[in-house]
Amino acid sequence: MKREKKFDFSAYAFLIPAGIIYLSVIVVPVFYSLYISLFNWNGIGKMKFIGLENYLKLFTEDKVFFTALKNNLIWIVLTILMTMTVSLGFALLLNNQFKGRTFFRGFFYFPCVIAPIAVAIIWRWIYNPNIGFINQFFKVLGSDFSQSWISNPKYSLYAVFAASLWQAVGQPTLLFLAGLQSVSIDVLEAATIDGAGDIKKFFYITVPLMKETFVIVIATLIVSAMKVFDVVQGLTGGGPNNSTQMLSTYMYSQTFQYNNVGTGTAVACVMVIMMLVVIVPYVSFTAKEN
């Protein structure tokens, strides 16, 4: 005779507080945002239902939205290429045995704990065309080169990205460093005995064994690139001439500056959908391979 297992409600009772917080802070606001995006609303007066009109206007009439979307895509590519490459390089250096290694680990991670708006203020001074560090550095070298880094539409997006890179490189460096330390030394020593050089060991042993680390780093970098806001808002506010406009800054301006709450919420929903379209298939595909 098989005994029937009793369903223990006490174990699930411990999930109730976390479930309530998750529903009230994440699930309900997400669906409420989808609901608001179907209305024409200034945030105060009466809400007028217009269906998908906000989305249709974004994709058919709104040129600024497409500029923000293009900038976000450029930012994602730069983030994956630059931030991941630089952070991996730092992790490889910091994984070696040398004097003062602990200090340099903290030194490279330090910008990551600074508030993004403070980073924007710091780099605003660095980019100052008159007294900024970069232009003054070229002046000390005897060069007449001078540039308005964040007020020139040709360079402003990349200048803002450089400021963001300075802060953002710390976290993926830490993740890559943890991944490097998880690679078995015995496997690397066996490869050395077989005659493999440092480059072959890195690409054929280290990288495959750090596959989970790369999945986490790329996923977090894409999400952070999609929702970048503080540094851009603090440095340029989306200008000049919308050259640094991001989906997040455009959402903010539409919602809180122009009181187009429906349009701003629609932009936010587009951001969420884009992140889901990119992240969910990527993570599920890599999980199946594992």
C-alpha atoms as a PDB file:
ATOM      1  CA  MET A   1       0.000   0.000   0.000  1.00  0.00           C
ATOM      2  CA  LYS A   2       1.360   3.362  -0.997  1.00  0.00           C
ATOM      3  CA  ARG A   3       0.835   6.167   1.417  1.00  0.00           C
ATOM      4  CA  GLU A   4      -0.578   9.324  -0.046  1.00  0.00           C
ATOM      5  CA  LYS A   5       1.701  12.291   0.437  1.00  0.00           C
ATOM      6  CA  LYS A   6       0.117  15.145   2.311  1.00  0.00           C
ATOM      7  CA  PHE A   7       0.388  18.571   0.750  1.00  0.00           C
ATOM      8  CA  ASP A   8       2.306  20.736   3.199  1.00  0.00           C
ATOM      9  CA  PHE A   9       0.957  24.294   3.055  1.00  0.00           C
ATOM     10  CA  SER A  10       3.382  25.522   5.711  1.00  0.00           C
ATOM     11  CA  ALA A  11       6.325  25.467   3.283  1.00  0.00           C
ATOM     12  CA  TYR A  12       4.441  27.590   0.743  1.00  0.00           C
ATOM     13  CA  ALA A  13       3.320  29.996   3.465  1.00  0.00           C
ATOM     14  CA  PHE A  14       6.867  31.316   3.663  1.00  0.00           C
ATOM     15  CA  LEU A  15       6.596  32.357   0.000  1.00  0.00           C
ATOM     16  CA  ILE A  16       3.533  34.522   0.614  1.00  0.00           C
ATOM     17  CA  PRO A  17       5.401  37.697   1.810  1.00  0.00           C
ATOM     18  CA  ALA A  18       7.855  37.553  -1.096  1.00  0.00           C
ATOM     19  CA  GLY A  19       5.002  36.796  -3.493  1.00  0.00           C
ATOM     20  CA  ILE A  20       3.007  39.798  -2.292  1.00  0.00           C
ATOM     21  CA  ILE A  21       6.009  42.093  -2.719  1.00  0.00           C
ATOM     22  CA  TYR A  22       6.745  40.672  -6.188  1.00  0.00           C
ATOM     23  CA  LEU A  23       3.148  41.107  -7.329  1.00  0.00           C
ATOM     24  CA  SER A  24       2.774  44.626  -5.920  1.00  0.00           C
ATOM     25  CA  VAL A  25       6.170  45.953  -7.033  1.00  0.00           C
ATOM     26  CA  ILE A  26       6.701  44.210 -10.388  1.00  0.00           C
ATOM     27  CA  VAL A  27       3.713  42.336 -11.846  1.00  0.00           C
ATOM     28  CA  VAL A  28       0.938  44.826 -11.097  1.00  0.00           C
ATOM     29  CA  PRO A  29       2.924  47.930 -12.222  1.00  0.00           C
ATOM     30  CA  VAL A  30       3.887  46.192 -15.478  1.00  0.00           C
ATOM     31  CA  PHE A  31       0.295  45.397 -16.412  1.00  0.00           C
ATOM     32  CA  TYR A  32      -0.873  48.820 -15.209  1.00  0.00           C
ATOM     33  CA  SER A  33       1.730  50.435 -17.464  1.00  0.00           C
ATOM     34  CA  LEU A  34       0.416  48.423 -20.407  1.00  0.00           C
ATOM     35  CA  TYR A  35      -3.051  49.642 -19.493  1.00  0.00           C
ATOM     36  CA  ILE A  36      -1.971  53.323 -19.326  1.00  0.00           C
ATOM     37  CA  SER A  37      -0.200  53.076 -22.698  1.00  0.00           C
ATOM     38  CA  LEU A  38      -3.613  52.549 -24.333  1.00  0.00           C
ATOM     39  CA  PHE A  39      -4.847  55.976 -23.194  1.00  0.00           C
ATOM     40  CA  ASN A  40      -4.260  59.624 -23.985  1.00  0.00           C
ATOM     41  CA  TRP A  41      -3.563  61.062 -20.543  1.00  0.00           C
ATOM     42  CA  ASN A  42      -1.665  63.997 -19.079  1.00  0.00           C
ATOM     43  CA  GLY A  43      -1.313  62.360 -15.658  1.00  0.00           C
ATOM     44  CA  ILE A  44      -3.965  64.512 -13.976  1.00  0.00           C
ATOM     45  CA  GLY A  45      -7.121  64.859 -16.056  1.00  0.00           C
ATOM     46  CA  LYS A  46      -9.519  62.323 -17.484  1.00  0.00           C
ATOM     47  CA  MET A  47      -8.062  59.344 -19.343  1.00  0.00           C
ATOM     48  CA  LYS A  48      -9.193  58.928 -22.972  1.00  0.00           C
ATOM     49  CA  PHE A  49      -8.985  55.431 -24.441  1.00  0.00           C
ATOM     50  CA  ILE A  50      -7.233  55.429 -27.851  1.00  0.00           C
ATOM     51  CA  GLY A  51      -6.144  51.793 -28.155  1.00  0.00           C
ATOM     52  CA  LEU A  52      -2.841  51.238 -29.951  1.00  0.00           C
ATOM     53  CA  GLU A  53      -2.642  54.796 -31.284  1.00  0.00           C
ATOM     54  CA  ASN A  54       0.320  55.692 -29.071  1.00  0.00           C
ATOM     55  CA  TYR A  55       2.293  52.769 -30.493  1.00  0.00           C
ATOM     56  CA  LEU A  56       1.268  53.547 -34.060  1.00  0.00           C
ATOM     57  CA  LYS A  57       2.421  57.154 -33.696  1.00  0.00           C
ATOM     58  CA  LEU A  58       5.756  56.042 -32.268  1.00  0.00           C
ATOM     59  CA  PHE A  59       6.510  53.723 -35.184  1.00  0.00           C
ATOM     60  CA  THR A  60       5.027  55.814 -37.996  1.00  0.00           C
ATOM     61  CA  GLU A  61       5.326  59.508 -37.110  1.00  0.00           C
ATOM     62  CA  ASP A  62       7.773  60.016 -34.242  1.00  0.00           C
ATOM     63  CA  LYS A  63      11.275  60.729 -35.617  1.00  0.00           C
ATOM     64  CA  VAL A  64      12.734  61.319 -32.165  1.00  0.00           C
ATOM     65  CA  PHE A  65      11.633  57.824 -31.106  1.00  0.00           C
ATOM     66  CA  PHE A  66      13.563  56.279 -34.006  1.00  0.00           C
ATOM     67  CA  THR A  67      16.607  58.381 -33.115  1.00  0.00           C
ATOM     68  CA  ALA A  68      16.406  57.128 -29.529  1.00  0.00           C
ATOM     69  CA  LEU A  69      15.939  53.553 -30.734  1.00  0.00           C
ATOM     70  CA  LYS A  70      18.973  53.829 -33.036  1.00  0.00           C
ATOM     71  CA  ASN A  71      21.082  55.297 -30.217  1.00  0.00           C
ATOM     72  CA  ASN A  72      20.038  52.482 -27.904  1.00  0.00           C
ATOM     73  CA  LEU A  73      21.054  49.878 -30.487  1.00  0.00           C
ATOM     74  CA  ILE A  74      24.424  51.628 -30.990  1.00  0.00           C
ATOM     75  CA  TRP A  75      24.851  51.722 -27.216  1.00  0.00           C
ATOM     76  CA  ILE A  76      24.136  47.971 -26.968  1.00  0.00           C
ATOM     77  CA  VAL A  77      26.735  47.162 -29.649  1.00  0.00           C
ATOM     78  CA  LEU A  78      29.330  49.422 -28.006  1.00  0.00           C
ATOM     79  CA  THR A  79      28.554  47.910 -24.612  1.00  0.00           C
ATOM     80  CA  ILE A  80      29.018  44.326 -25.800  1.00  0.00           C
ATOM     81  CA  LEU A  81      32.162  45.107 -27.810  1.00  0.00           C
ATOM     82  CA  MET A  82      33.869  47.660 -25.558  1.00  0.00           C
ATOM     83  CA  THR A  83      32.657  47.029 -22.010  1.00  0.00           C
ATOM     84  CA  MET A  84      32.960  43.258 -22.257  1.00  0.00           C
ATOM     85  CA  THR A  85      36.380  43.406 -23.935  1.00  0.00           C
ATOM     86  CA  VAL A  86      37.836  45.931 -21.485  1.00  0.00           C
ATOM     87  CA  SER A  87      36.409  44.175 -18.421  1.00  0.00           C
ATOM     88  CA  LEU A  88      37.676  40.775 -19.627  1.00  0.00           C
ATOM     89  CA  GLY A  89      41.121  42.283 -20.209  1.00  0.00           C
ATOM     90  CA  PHE A  90      41.173  43.767 -16.706  1.00  0.00           C
ATOM     91  CA  ALA A  91      40.009  40.438 -15.242  1.00  0.00           C
ATOM     92  CA  LEU A  92      42.824  38.570 -17.002  1.00  0.00           C
ATOM     93  CA  LEU A  93      45.359  41.053 -15.619  1.00  0.00           C
ATOM     94  CA  LEU A  94      43.936  40.982 -12.093  1.00  0.00           C
ATOM     95  CA  ASN A  95      43.843  37.187 -12.084  1.00  0.00           C
ATOM     96  CA  ASN A  96      47.648  37.070 -12.138  1.00  0.00           C
ATOM     97  CA  GLN A  97      49.791  36.975  -9.013  1.00  0.00           C
ATOM     98  CA  PHE A  98      51.477  40.318  -8.396  1.00  0.00           C
ATOM     99  CA  LYS A  99      52.091  42.705  -5.532  1.00  0.00           C
ATOM    100  CA  GLY A 100      49.160  45.010  -4.769  1.00  0.00           C
ATOM    101  CA  ARG A 101      46.638  42.857  -6.644  1.00  0.00           C
ATOM    102  CA  THR A 102      43.950  43.363  -3.975  1.00  0.00           C
ATOM    103  CA  PHE A 103      44.355  47.138  -4.163  1.00  0.00           C
ATOM    104  CA  PHE A 104      43.972  47.198  -7.945  1.00  0.00           C
ATOM    105  CA  ARG A 105      40.903  44.978  -7.763  1.00  0.00           C
ATOM    106  CA  GLY A 106      39.249  47.519  -5.505  1.00  0.00           C
ATOM    107  CA  PHE A 107      40.601  50.392  -7.616  1.00  0.00           C
ATOM    108  CA  PHE A 108      38.986  49.106 -10.831  1.00  0.00           C
ATOM    109  CA  TYR A 109      35.711  48.332  -9.065  1.00  0.00           C
ATOM    110  CA  PHE A 110      35.500  51.678  -7.230  1.00  0.00           C
ATOM    111  CA  PRO A 111      33.755  53.685 -10.033  1.00  0.00           C
ATOM    112  CA  CYS A 112      30.977  51.086 -10.033  1.00  0.00           C
ATOM    113  CA  VAL A 113      29.816  52.147  -6.555  1.00  0.00           C
ATOM    114  CA  ILE A 114      29.618  55.855  -7.447  1.00  0.00           C
ATOM    115  CA  ALA A 115      26.127  57.167  -8.145  1.00  0.00           C
ATOM    116  CA  PRO A 116      25.602  57.538 -11.926  1.00  0.00           C
ATOM    117  CA  ILE A 117      24.513  61.165 -11.547  1.00  0.00           C
ATOM    118  CA  ALA A 118      27.790  61.866  -9.707  1.00  0.00           C
ATOM    119  CA  VAL A 119      29.645  60.230 -12.594  1.00  0.00           C
ATOM    120  CA  ALA A 120      27.826  62.589 -14.963  1.00  0.00           C
ATOM    121  CA  ILE A 121      28.920  65.609 -12.895  1.00  0.00           C
ATOM    122  CA  ILE A 122      32.554  64.412 -12.833  1.00  0.00           C
ATOM    123  CA  TRP A 123      32.673  63.860 -16.581  1.00  0.00           C
ATOM    124  CA  ARG A 124      30.905  67.127 -17.290  1.00  0.00           C
ATOM    125  CA  TRP A 125      33.937  68.834 -15.767  1.00  0.00           C
ATOM    126  CA  ILE A 126      36.314  66.535 -17.672  1.00  0.00           C
ATOM    127  CA  TYR A 127      34.587  67.410 -20.958  1.00  0.00           C
ATOM    128  CA  ASN A 128      34.402  71.149 -20.230  1.00  0.00           C
ATOM    129  CA  PRO A 129      35.724  72.871 -23.396  1.00  0.00           C
ATOM    130  CA  ASN A 130      37.534  75.609 -21.431  1.00  0.00           C
ATOM    131  CA  ILE A 131      38.883  74.041 -18.242  1.00  0.00           C
ATOM    132  CA  GLY A 132      38.218  70.355 -18.859  1.00  0.00           C
ATOM    133  CA  PHE A 133      40.981  67.791 -18.307  1.00  0.00           C
ATOM    134  CA  ILE A 134      41.032  66.434 -21.866  1.00  0.00           C
ATOM    135  CA  ASN A 135      41.404  69.781 -23.653  1.00  0.00           C
ATOM    136  CA  GLN A 136      43.876  71.003 -21.022  1.00  0.00           C
ATOM    137  CA  PHE A 137      45.905  67.797 -21.465  1.00  0.00           C
ATOM    138  CA  PHE A 138      46.314  68.482 -25.191  1.00  0.00           C
ATOM    139  CA  LYS A 139      47.189  72.102 -24.352  1.00  0.00           C
ATOM    140  CA  VAL A 140      49.975  70.957 -22.014  1.00  0.00           C
ATOM    141  CA  LEU A 141      51.348  68.772 -24.818  1.00  0.00           C
ATOM    142  CA  GLY A 142      51.551  71.897 -26.967  1.00  0.00           C
ATOM    143  CA  SER A 143      48.683  70.926 -29.256  1.00  0.00           C
ATOM    144  CA  ASP A 144      45.968  73.331 -30.349  1.00  0.00           C
ATOM    145  CA  PHE A 145      43.433  70.494 -30.467  1.00  0.00           C
ATOM    146  CA  SER A 146      40.242  71.420 -28.632  1.00  0.00           C
ATOM    147  CA  GLN A 147      36.788  69.894 -28.818  1.00  0.00           C
ATOM    148  CA  SER A 148      33.325  70.500 -27.414  1.00  0.00           C
ATOM    149  CA  TRP A 149      32.851  66.861 -26.550  1.00  0.00           C
ATOM    150  CA  ILE A 150      29.249  66.752 -25.349  1.00  0.00           C
ATOM    151  CA  SER A 151      27.878  69.719 -27.280  1.00  0.00           C
ATOM    152  CA  ASN A 152      28.952  68.436 -30.691  1.00  0.00           C
ATOM    153  CA  PRO A 153      26.356  66.019 -32.158  1.00  0.00           C
ATOM    154  CA  LYS A 154      29.113  64.103 -33.980  1.00  0.00           C
ATOM    155  CA  TYR A 155      30.918  63.093 -30.795  1.00  0.00           C
ATOM    156  CA  SER A 156      28.391  63.511 -27.990  1.00  0.00           C
ATOM    157  CA  LEU A 157      27.009  59.951 -27.998  1.00  0.00           C
ATOM    158  CA  TYR A 158      30.478  58.389 -27.876  1.00  0.00           C
ATOM    159  CA  ALA A 159      31.636  60.874 -25.246  1.00  0.00           C
ATOM    160  CA  VAL A 160      28.708  59.943 -23.013  1.00  0.00           C
ATOM    161  CA  PHE A 161      29.411  56.254 -23.614  1.00  0.00           C
ATOM    162  CA  ALA A 162      33.035  56.742 -22.539  1.00  0.00           C
ATOM    163  CA  ALA A 163      31.827  58.198 -19.241  1.00  0.00           C
ATOM    164  CA  SER A 164      29.450  55.270 -18.796  1.00  0.00           C
ATOM    165  CA  LEU A 165      32.210  52.796 -19.675  1.00  0.00           C
ATOM    166  CA  TRP A 166      34.421  54.217 -16.918  1.00  0.00           C
ATOM    167  CA  GLN A 167      31.750  53.363 -14.363  1.00  0.00           C
ATOM    168  CA  ALA A 168      30.265  50.206 -15.870  1.00  0.00           C
ATOM    169  CA  VAL A 169      33.462  48.213 -16.368  1.00  0.00           C
ATOM    170  CA  GLY A 170      33.788  47.271 -12.679  1.00  0.00           C
ATOM    171  CA  GLN A 171      30.907  44.817 -12.319  1.00  0.00           C
ATOM    172  CA  PRO A 172      31.639  42.621 -15.384  1.00  0.00           C
ATOM    173  CA  THR A 173      35.318  42.662 -14.394  1.00  0.00           C
ATOM    174  CA  LEU A 174      34.341  41.176 -11.028  1.00  0.00           C
ATOM    175  CA  LEU A 175      32.142  38.540 -12.703  1.00  0.00           C
ATOM    176  CA  PHE A 176      34.859  37.580 -15.184  1.00  0.00           C
ATOM    177  CA  LEU A 177      37.402  37.413 -12.371  1.00  0.00           C
ATOM    178  CA  ALA A 178      35.155  35.013 -10.453  1.00  0.00           C
ATOM    179  CA  GLY A 179      34.747  32.932 -13.615  1.00  0.00           C
ATOM    180  CA  LEU A 180      38.503  32.812 -14.217  1.00  0.00           C
ATOM    181  CA  GLN A 181      39.116  31.638 -10.668  1.00  0.00           C
ATOM    182  CA  SER A 182      36.618  28.814 -11.141  1.00  0.00           C
ATOM    183  CA  VAL A 183      38.635  27.349 -14.037  1.00  0.00           C
ATOM    184  CA  SER A 184      40.540  24.288 -12.841  1.00  0.00           C
ATOM    185  CA  ILE A 185      44.305  24.819 -12.637  1.00  0.00           C
ATOM    186  CA  ASP A 186      44.839  21.107 -13.313  1.00  0.00           C
ATOM    187  CA  VAL A 187      43.163  21.411 -16.720  1.00  0.00           C
ATOM    188  CA  LEU A 188      45.344  24.397 -17.647  1.00  0.00           C
ATOM    189  CA  GLU A 189      48.485  22.599 -16.488  1.00  0.00           C
ATOM    190  CA  ALA A 190      47.538  19.538 -18.526  1.00  0.00           C
ATOM    191  CA  ALA A 191      47.103  21.744 -21.598  1.00  0.00           C
ATOM    192  CA  THR A 192      50.524  23.310 -20.954  1.00  0.00           C
ATOM    193  CA  ILE A 193      52.115  19.868 -20.781  1.00  0.00           C
ATOM    194  CA  ASP A 194      50.473  19.024 -24.124  1.00  0.00           C
ATOM    195  CA  GLY A 195      52.161  22.072 -25.638  1.00  0.00           C
ATOM    196  CA  ALA A 196      49.277  24.563 -25.718  1.00  0.00           C
ATOM    197  CA  GLY A 197      50.265  28.228 -25.528  1.00  0.00           C
ATOM    198  CA  ASP A 198      48.516  30.979 -23.567  1.00  0.00           C
ATOM    199  CA  ILE A 199      46.303  32.017 -26.497  1.00  0.00           C
ATOM    200  CA  LYS A 200      45.154  28.451 -27.236  1.00  0.00           C
ATOM    201  CA  LYS A 201      44.504  27.772 -23.570  1.00  0.00           C
ATOM    202  CA  PHE A 202      42.389  30.899 -23.351  1.00  0.00           C
ATOM    203  CA  PHE A 203      40.215  30.252 -26.421  1.00  0.00           C
ATOM    204  CA  TYR A 204      39.957  26.448 -26.207  1.00  0.00           C
ATOM    205  CA  ILE A 205      39.843  25.910 -22.439  1.00  0.00           C
ATOM    206  CA  THR A 206      39.177  29.081 -20.433  1.00  0.00           C
ATOM    207  CA  VAL A 207      36.411  30.538 -22.612  1.00  0.00           C
ATOM    208  CA  PRO A 208      34.386  27.271 -22.926  1.00  0.00           C
ATOM    209  CA  LEU A 209      34.645  26.663 -19.174  1.00  0.00           C
ATOM    210  CA  MET A 210      33.445  30.236 -18.525  1.00  0.00           C
ATOM    211  CA  LYS A 211      30.382  29.889 -20.752  1.00  0.00           C
ATOM    212  CA  GLU A 212      27.926  30.517 -17.894  1.00  0.00           C
ATOM    213  CA  THR A 213      29.852  33.629 -16.895  1.00  0.00           C
ATOM    214  CA  PHE A 214      29.646  35.006 -20.433  1.00  0.00           C
ATOM    215  CA  VAL A 215      25.889  34.339 -20.481  1.00  0.00           C
ATOM    216  CA  ILE A 216      25.389  36.307 -17.258  1.00  0.00           C
ATOM    217  CA  VAL A 217      27.676  39.173 -18.319  1.00  0.00           C
ATOM    218  CA  ILE A 218      26.152  39.597 -21.783  1.00  0.00           C
ATOM    219  CA  ALA A 219      22.591  39.425 -20.426  1.00  0.00           C
ATOM    220  CA  THR A 220      23.265  42.021 -17.712  1.00  0.00           C
ATOM    221  CA  LEU A 221      25.116  44.302 -20.153  1.00  0.00           C
ATOM    222  CA  ILE A 222      22.250  44.236 -22.667  1.00  0.00           C
ATOM    223  CA  VAL A 223      19.700  45.031 -19.956  1.00  0.00           C
ATOM    224  CA  SER A 224      21.822  47.877 -18.560  1.00  0.00           C
ATOM    225  CA  ALA A 225      22.380  49.236 -22.082  1.00  0.00           C
ATOM    226  CA  MET A 226      18.644  49.222 -22.786  1.00  0.00           C
ATOM    227  CA  LYS A 227      17.754  51.139 -19.628  1.00  0.00           C
ATOM    228  CA  VAL A 228      20.720  53.545 -19.451  1.00  0.00           C
ATOM    229  CA  PHE A 229      19.455  56.853 -18.121  1.00  0.00           C
ATOM    230  CA  ASP A 230      21.331  58.626 -15.323  1.00  0.00           C
ATOM    231  CA  VAL A 231      24.625  59.323 -17.088  1.00  0.00           C
ATOM    232  CA  VAL A 232      22.910  60.481 -20.288  1.00  0.00           C
ATOM    233  CA  GLN A 233      20.409  62.650 -18.433  1.00  0.00           C
ATOM    234  CA  GLY A 234      23.109  64.170 -16.234  1.00  0.00           C
ATOM    235  CA  LEU A 235      25.533  64.921 -19.074  1.00  0.00           C
ATOM    236  CA  THR A 236      23.359  65.950 -22.014  1.00  0.00           C
ATOM    237  CA  GLY A 237      19.694  65.363 -21.190  1.00  0.00           C
ATOM    238  CA  GLY A 238      19.354  63.724 -24.600  1.00  0.00           C
ATOM    239  CA  GLY A 239      20.865  66.636 -26.515  1.00  0.00           C
ATOM    240  CA  PRO A 240      22.296  68.291 -28.438  1.00  0.00           C
ATOM    241  CA  ASN A 241      19.618  68.014 -31.115  1.00  0.00           C
ATOM    242  CA  ASN A 242      18.570  64.583 -29.729  1.00  0.00           C
ATOM    243  CA  SER A 243      21.979  63.126 -30.660  1.00  0.00           C
ATOM    244  CA  THR A 244      22.192  61.309 -27.289  1.00  0.00           C
ATOM    245  CA  GLN A 245      18.479  60.690 -26.864  1.00  0.00           C
ATOM    246  CA  MET A 246      17.789  57.219 -25.438  1.00  0.00           C
ATOM    247  CA  LEU A 247      14.503  55.388 -25.031  1.00  0.00           C
ATOM    248  CA  SER A 248      14.712  55.949 -21.283  1.00  0.00           C
ATOM    249  CA  THR A 249      15.386  59.691 -21.554  1.00  0.00           C
ATOM    250  CA  TYR A 250      12.673  60.051 -24.194  1.00  0.00           C
ATOM    251  CA  MET A 251      10.253  58.182 -21.941  1.00  0.00           C
ATOM    252  CA  TYR A 252      11.170  60.534 -19.081  1.00  0.00           C
ATOM    253  CA  SER A 253      10.744  63.702 -21.139  1.00  0.00           C
ATOM    254  CA  GLN A 254       7.423  62.613 -22.608  1.00  0.00           C
ATOM    255  CA  THR A 255       6.037  61.563 -19.213  1.00  0.00           C
ATOM    256  CA  PHE A 256       7.328  64.223 -16.829  1.00  0.00           C
ATOM    257  CA  GLN A 257       8.240  67.227 -19.005  1.00  0.00           C
ATOM    258  CA  TYR A 258       5.509  67.197 -21.653  1.00  0.00           C
ATOM    259  CA  ASN A 259       2.891  65.306 -19.588  1.00  0.00           C
ATOM    260  CA  ASN A 260       2.278  62.775 -22.380  1.00  0.00           C
ATOM    261  CA  VAL A 261       1.920  59.911 -19.912  1.00  0.00           C
ATOM    262  CA  GLY A 262       0.373  57.535 -22.456  1.00  0.00           C
ATOM    263  CA  THR A 263       3.196  58.078 -24.964  1.00  0.00           C
ATOM    264  CA  GLY A 264       5.897  57.829 -22.309  1.00  0.00           C
ATOM    265  CA  THR A 265       4.423  54.613 -20.938  1.00  0.00           C
ATOM    266  CA  ALA A 266       4.224  53.199 -24.476  1.00  0.00           C
ATOM    267  CA  VAL A 267       7.954  53.872 -24.881  1.00  0.00           C
ATOM    268  CA  ALA A 268       8.586  52.055 -21.580  1.00  0.00           C
ATOM    269  CA  CYS A 269       6.551  49.066 -22.797  1.00  0.00           C
ATOM    270  CA  VAL A 270       8.555  48.978 -26.034  1.00  0.00           C
ATOM    271  CA  MET A 271      11.746  48.888 -23.954  1.00  0.00           C
ATOM    272  CA  VAL A 272      10.471  45.950 -21.895  1.00  0.00           C
ATOM    273  CA  ILE A 273       9.370  44.035 -24.992  1.00  0.00           C
ATOM    274  CA  MET A 274      12.749  44.619 -26.677  1.00  0.00           C
ATOM    275  CA  MET A 275      14.608  43.326 -23.628  1.00  0.00           C
ATOM    276  CA  LEU A 276      12.381  40.241 -23.451  1.00  0.00           C
ATOM    277  CA  VAL A 277      12.786  39.552 -27.175  1.00  0.00           C
ATOM    278  CA  VAL A 278      16.573  39.661 -26.859  1.00  0.00           C
ATOM    279  CA  ILE A 279      17.266  38.217 -23.398  1.00  0.00           C
ATOM    280  CA  VAL A 280      14.727  35.369 -23.100  1.00  0.00           C
ATOM    281  CA  PRO A 281      15.714  33.528 -26.342  1.00  0.00           C
ATOM    282  CA  TYR A 282      19.414  34.110 -25.612  1.00  0.00           C
ATOM    283  CA  VAL A 283      19.288  32.698 -22.077  1.00  0.00           C
ATOM    284  CA  SER A 284      16.964  29.802 -23.020  1.00  0.00           C
ATOM    285  CA  PHE A 285      19.172  28.852 -25.987  1.00  0.00           C
ATOM    286  CA  THR A 286      22.325  28.807 -23.885  1.00  0.00           C
ATOM    287  CA  ALA A 287      20.519  26.882 -21.138  1.00  0.00           C
ATOM    288  CA  LYS A 288      19.483  24.178 -23.653  1.00  0.00           C
ATOM    289  CA  GLU A 289      23.067  23.873 -24.851  1.00  0.00           C
ATOM    290  CA  ASN A 290      24.242  23.354 -21.280  1.00  0.00           C
END
